[in-house]
Amino acid sequence: MAMVGVCATILYFGLERENKRREAQYGPVLNDFEQEGIATGVKTRQEGWSTWQQDLNDEVYLARWGLTGMTKEEMLDLGDDHPAFRYAL
C-alpha cells in the first residue's frame, strides 16, 4: 500500500511540474468566459456541457500556441501534447 502512495505522489508532482512548464512557456489557458471576445470560435452546449470550439484557422490562436504551419489533422492529433493541454490534478 505504501508503494501506491509513493507512485501517486511522484506522478502528482511530475504532472504539476509539467503544467507549470507549459504555463511558463505558453501562458495560462483561459476559461470559456475569458475566451469570449478575444478568440474566434463557437461556444456550444451538448448534453449539459458547455465547450469552446476554437477556429483552427485563427492566426492569433495558431501563433500563441506555436501551431503555425500545422495541418488541422496534425493539430487534432496532438492530444495531450497540445500546448494548451493541462493535467487536471
N, C-alpha and C. Protein backbone atom coordinates (compact mmCIF):
# COMPACT_ATOMS: atom_id res chain seq x y z
N MET A 1 0.81 -1.18 0.00
CA MET A 1 0.00 0.00 0.00
C MET A 1 0.87 1.26 0.00
N ALA A 2 1.98 1.22 0.66
CA ALA A 2 2.88 2.37 0.70
C ALA A 2 3.43 2.67 -0.69
N MET A 3 3.64 1.60 -1.48
CA MET A 3 4.17 1.79 -2.84
C MET A 3 3.19 2.58 -3.70
N VAL A 4 1.88 2.35 -3.52
CA VAL A 4 0.86 3.10 -4.26
C VAL A 4 0.95 4.58 -3.91
N GLY A 5 1.10 4.88 -2.65
CA GLY A 5 1.23 6.27 -2.20
C GLY A 5 2.45 6.95 -2.78
N VAL A 6 3.57 6.22 -2.81
CA VAL A 6 4.81 6.78 -3.36
C VAL A 6 4.63 7.06 -4.86
N CYS A 7 4.07 6.10 -5.58
CA CYS A 7 3.87 6.27 -7.03
C CYS A 7 2.91 7.42 -7.32
N ALA A 8 1.83 7.53 -6.56
CA ALA A 8 0.86 8.60 -6.76
C ALA A 8 1.49 9.96 -6.47
N THR A 9 2.32 10.04 -5.45
CA THR A 9 2.99 11.29 -5.11
C THR A 9 3.96 11.71 -6.21
N ILE A 10 4.73 10.77 -6.72
CA ILE A 10 5.67 11.05 -7.80
C ILE A 10 4.92 11.51 -9.05
N LEU A 11 3.85 10.83 -9.39
CA LEU A 11 3.05 11.19 -10.55
C LEU A 11 2.44 12.58 -10.38
N TYR A 12 1.89 12.87 -9.21
CA TYR A 12 1.28 14.16 -8.94
C TYR A 12 2.29 15.30 -9.14
N PHE A 13 3.45 15.19 -8.52
CA PHE A 13 4.43 16.27 -8.62
C PHE A 13 5.03 16.36 -10.01
N GLY A 14 5.15 15.25 -10.71
CA GLY A 14 5.63 15.28 -12.10
C GLY A 14 4.66 16.00 -13.02
N LEU A 15 3.36 15.71 -12.87
CA LEU A 15 2.35 16.36 -13.70
C LEU A 15 2.19 17.84 -13.32
N GLU A 16 2.32 18.14 -12.05
CA GLU A 16 2.26 19.54 -11.62
C GLU A 16 3.42 20.33 -12.23
N ARG A 17 4.59 19.72 -12.26
CA ARG A 17 5.75 20.37 -12.87
C ARG A 17 5.55 20.60 -14.36
N GLU A 18 4.95 19.63 -15.05
CA GLU A 18 4.66 19.78 -16.48
C GLU A 18 3.66 20.91 -16.72
N ASN A 19 2.63 21.00 -15.88
CA ASN A 19 1.67 22.09 -16.02
C ASN A 19 2.35 23.45 -15.83
N LYS A 20 3.23 23.55 -14.85
CA LYS A 20 3.94 24.81 -14.60
C LYS A 20 4.87 25.15 -15.76
N ARG A 21 5.50 24.14 -16.36
CA ARG A 21 6.37 24.37 -17.51
C ARG A 21 5.57 24.93 -18.68
N ARG A 22 4.40 24.34 -18.93
CA ARG A 22 3.55 24.82 -20.03
C ARG A 22 3.02 26.22 -19.75
N GLU A 23 2.68 26.50 -18.49
CA GLU A 23 2.23 27.85 -18.13
C GLU A 23 3.33 28.87 -18.38
N ALA A 24 4.56 28.52 -18.02
CA ALA A 24 5.68 29.44 -18.22
C ALA A 24 5.99 29.65 -19.70
N GLN A 25 5.88 28.61 -20.49
CA GLN A 25 6.23 28.69 -21.90
C GLN A 25 5.13 29.33 -22.74
N TYR A 26 3.86 28.98 -22.48
CA TYR A 26 2.76 29.42 -23.34
C TYR A 26 1.78 30.36 -22.66
N GLY A 27 1.86 30.52 -21.35
CA GLY A 27 0.91 31.35 -20.65
C GLY A 27 -0.28 30.53 -20.18
N PRO A 28 -1.16 31.17 -19.42
CA PRO A 28 -2.31 30.44 -18.87
C PRO A 28 -3.34 30.11 -19.94
N VAL A 29 -4.08 29.05 -19.70
CA VAL A 29 -5.21 28.69 -20.55
C VAL A 29 -6.42 29.40 -20.00
N LEU A 30 -7.12 30.14 -20.86
CA LEU A 30 -8.28 30.89 -20.42
C LEU A 30 -9.52 30.01 -20.42
N ASN A 31 -10.41 30.26 -19.47
CA ASN A 31 -11.66 29.50 -19.45
C ASN A 31 -12.62 30.07 -20.48
N ASP A 32 -13.77 29.44 -20.66
CA ASP A 32 -14.73 29.85 -21.68
C ASP A 32 -15.14 31.32 -21.56
N PHE A 33 -15.35 31.80 -20.33
CA PHE A 33 -15.81 33.16 -20.15
C PHE A 33 -14.72 34.16 -20.51
N GLU A 34 -13.48 33.83 -20.21
CA GLU A 34 -12.37 34.73 -20.53
C GLU A 34 -12.06 34.72 -22.02
N GLN A 35 -12.31 33.58 -22.71
CA GLN A 35 -12.00 33.49 -24.13
C GLN A 35 -12.96 34.29 -24.98
N GLU A 36 -14.22 34.39 -24.56
CA GLU A 36 -15.20 35.09 -25.37
C GLU A 36 -14.75 36.52 -25.61
N GLY A 37 -14.79 36.94 -26.85
CA GLY A 37 -14.42 38.30 -27.20
C GLY A 37 -12.97 38.48 -27.58
N ILE A 38 -12.09 37.54 -27.24
CA ILE A 38 -10.69 37.69 -27.62
C ILE A 38 -10.23 36.59 -28.56
N ALA A 39 -11.03 35.57 -28.72
CA ALA A 39 -10.67 34.46 -29.60
C ALA A 39 -11.84 34.19 -30.53
N THR A 40 -11.52 33.63 -31.68
CA THR A 40 -12.59 33.28 -32.60
C THR A 40 -12.93 31.83 -32.40
N GLY A 41 -14.18 31.54 -32.31
CA GLY A 41 -14.62 30.17 -32.09
C GLY A 41 -16.10 30.15 -31.81
N VAL A 42 -16.60 29.01 -31.43
CA VAL A 42 -18.02 28.83 -31.18
C VAL A 42 -18.19 28.18 -29.82
N LYS A 43 -19.05 28.76 -29.00
CA LYS A 43 -19.37 28.16 -27.72
C LYS A 43 -20.57 27.26 -27.94
N THR A 44 -20.48 26.00 -27.58
CA THR A 44 -21.56 25.05 -27.83
C THR A 44 -22.01 24.42 -26.52
N ARG A 45 -23.24 23.95 -26.52
CA ARG A 45 -23.78 23.22 -25.37
C ARG A 45 -24.24 21.87 -25.89
N GLN A 46 -23.74 20.83 -25.27
CA GLN A 46 -24.12 19.48 -25.66
C GLN A 46 -24.27 18.65 -24.39
N GLU A 47 -25.44 18.10 -24.20
CA GLU A 47 -25.72 17.25 -23.05
C GLU A 47 -25.34 17.92 -21.73
N GLY A 48 -25.64 19.21 -21.62
CA GLY A 48 -25.37 19.92 -20.38
C GLY A 48 -23.95 20.43 -20.22
N TRP A 49 -23.07 20.12 -21.16
CA TRP A 49 -21.68 20.59 -21.09
C TRP A 49 -21.52 21.81 -21.97
N SER A 50 -20.81 22.78 -21.50
CA SER A 50 -20.50 23.96 -22.29
C SER A 50 -19.05 23.84 -22.72
N THR A 51 -18.81 23.86 -24.01
CA THR A 51 -17.44 23.72 -24.50
C THR A 51 -17.12 24.83 -25.49
N TRP A 52 -15.85 25.06 -25.68
CA TRP A 52 -15.38 26.07 -26.63
C TRP A 52 -14.73 25.34 -27.78
N GLN A 53 -15.23 25.60 -28.99
CA GLN A 53 -14.62 25.02 -30.18
C GLN A 53 -13.85 26.12 -30.88
N GLN A 54 -12.55 26.01 -30.86
CA GLN A 54 -11.68 27.05 -31.41
C GLN A 54 -11.64 26.98 -32.93
N ASP A 55 -11.64 28.14 -33.56
CA ASP A 55 -11.45 28.22 -35.00
C ASP A 55 -9.99 27.93 -35.29
N LEU A 56 -9.72 26.81 -35.95
CA LEU A 56 -8.33 26.40 -36.19
C LEU A 56 -7.66 27.17 -37.31
N ASN A 57 -8.36 28.13 -37.91
CA ASN A 57 -7.75 29.00 -38.92
C ASN A 57 -7.40 30.37 -38.37
N ASP A 58 -7.63 30.60 -37.10
CA ASP A 58 -7.36 31.88 -36.45
C ASP A 58 -5.85 32.03 -36.27
N GLU A 59 -5.26 33.00 -36.95
CA GLU A 59 -3.80 33.20 -36.92
C GLU A 59 -3.28 33.55 -35.52
N VAL A 60 -4.07 34.31 -34.75
CA VAL A 60 -3.65 34.67 -33.39
C VAL A 60 -3.56 33.42 -32.53
N TYR A 61 -4.55 32.56 -32.63
CA TYR A 61 -4.56 31.30 -31.88
C TYR A 61 -3.37 30.42 -32.28
N LEU A 62 -3.15 30.28 -33.58
CA LEU A 62 -2.05 29.43 -34.06
C LEU A 62 -0.70 29.96 -33.58
N ALA A 63 -0.51 31.26 -33.64
CA ALA A 63 0.76 31.85 -33.20
C ALA A 63 0.96 31.70 -31.70
N ARG A 64 -0.11 31.93 -30.93
CA ARG A 64 0.01 31.84 -29.46
C ARG A 64 0.45 30.47 -29.00
N TRP A 65 -0.08 29.43 -29.62
CA TRP A 65 0.22 28.07 -29.19
C TRP A 65 1.31 27.40 -30.01
N GLY A 66 1.95 28.12 -30.92
CA GLY A 66 3.04 27.55 -31.70
C GLY A 66 2.58 26.51 -32.70
N LEU A 67 1.39 26.69 -33.26
CA LEU A 67 0.83 25.70 -34.17
C LEU A 67 0.87 26.16 -35.62
N THR A 68 1.50 27.29 -35.89
CA THR A 68 1.58 27.81 -37.25
C THR A 68 2.28 26.79 -38.14
N GLY A 69 1.68 26.55 -39.30
CA GLY A 69 2.26 25.62 -40.26
C GLY A 69 1.78 24.19 -40.12
N MET A 70 1.00 23.91 -39.09
CA MET A 70 0.46 22.56 -38.90
C MET A 70 -0.87 22.43 -39.61
N THR A 71 -1.16 21.24 -40.10
CA THR A 71 -2.47 20.99 -40.70
C THR A 71 -3.49 20.77 -39.60
N LYS A 72 -4.77 20.83 -39.96
CA LYS A 72 -5.84 20.61 -38.98
C LYS A 72 -5.71 19.22 -38.37
N GLU A 73 -5.41 18.23 -39.19
CA GLU A 73 -5.27 16.86 -38.70
C GLU A 73 -4.12 16.75 -37.70
N GLU A 74 -3.00 17.42 -38.00
CA GLU A 74 -1.86 17.38 -37.08
C GLU A 74 -2.22 18.02 -35.74
N MET A 75 -2.96 19.14 -35.78
CA MET A 75 -3.37 19.80 -34.53
C MET A 75 -4.32 18.91 -33.73
N LEU A 76 -5.26 18.27 -34.41
CA LEU A 76 -6.22 17.42 -33.71
C LEU A 76 -5.57 16.15 -33.16
N ASP A 77 -4.49 15.71 -33.76
CA ASP A 77 -3.79 14.51 -33.31
C ASP A 77 -2.82 14.77 -32.16
N LEU A 78 -2.62 16.03 -31.78
CA LEU A 78 -1.67 16.34 -30.71
C LEU A 78 -2.09 15.74 -29.37
N GLY A 79 -3.40 15.70 -29.11
CA GLY A 79 -3.86 15.15 -27.84
C GLY A 79 -3.26 15.90 -26.66
N ASP A 80 -2.66 15.18 -25.71
CA ASP A 80 -2.08 15.85 -24.53
C ASP A 80 -0.74 16.52 -24.83
N ASP A 81 -0.25 16.42 -26.06
CA ASP A 81 0.94 17.16 -26.45
C ASP A 81 0.61 18.59 -26.88
N HIS A 82 -0.70 18.90 -27.02
CA HIS A 82 -1.10 20.26 -27.40
C HIS A 82 -0.65 21.21 -26.30
N PRO A 83 -0.06 22.36 -26.67
CA PRO A 83 0.44 23.29 -25.66
C PRO A 83 -0.63 23.81 -24.70
N ALA A 84 -1.89 23.82 -25.09
CA ALA A 84 -2.96 24.30 -24.21
C ALA A 84 -3.46 23.23 -23.26
N PHE A 85 -3.03 22.00 -23.42
CA PHE A 85 -3.48 20.92 -22.55
C PHE A 85 -2.86 21.06 -21.17
N ARG A 86 -3.68 20.92 -20.15
CA ARG A 86 -3.19 20.90 -18.77
C ARG A 86 -3.74 19.66 -18.09
N TYR A 87 -2.91 19.03 -17.28
CA TYR A 87 -3.35 17.88 -16.50
C TYR A 87 -4.21 18.34 -15.35
N ALA A 88 -5.36 17.71 -15.15
CA ALA A 88 -6.24 18.05 -14.02
C ALA A 88 -5.75 17.30 -12.80
N LEU A 89 -5.37 18.04 -11.79
CA LEU A 89 -4.82 17.44 -10.56
C LEU A 89 -5.73 17.67 -9.39
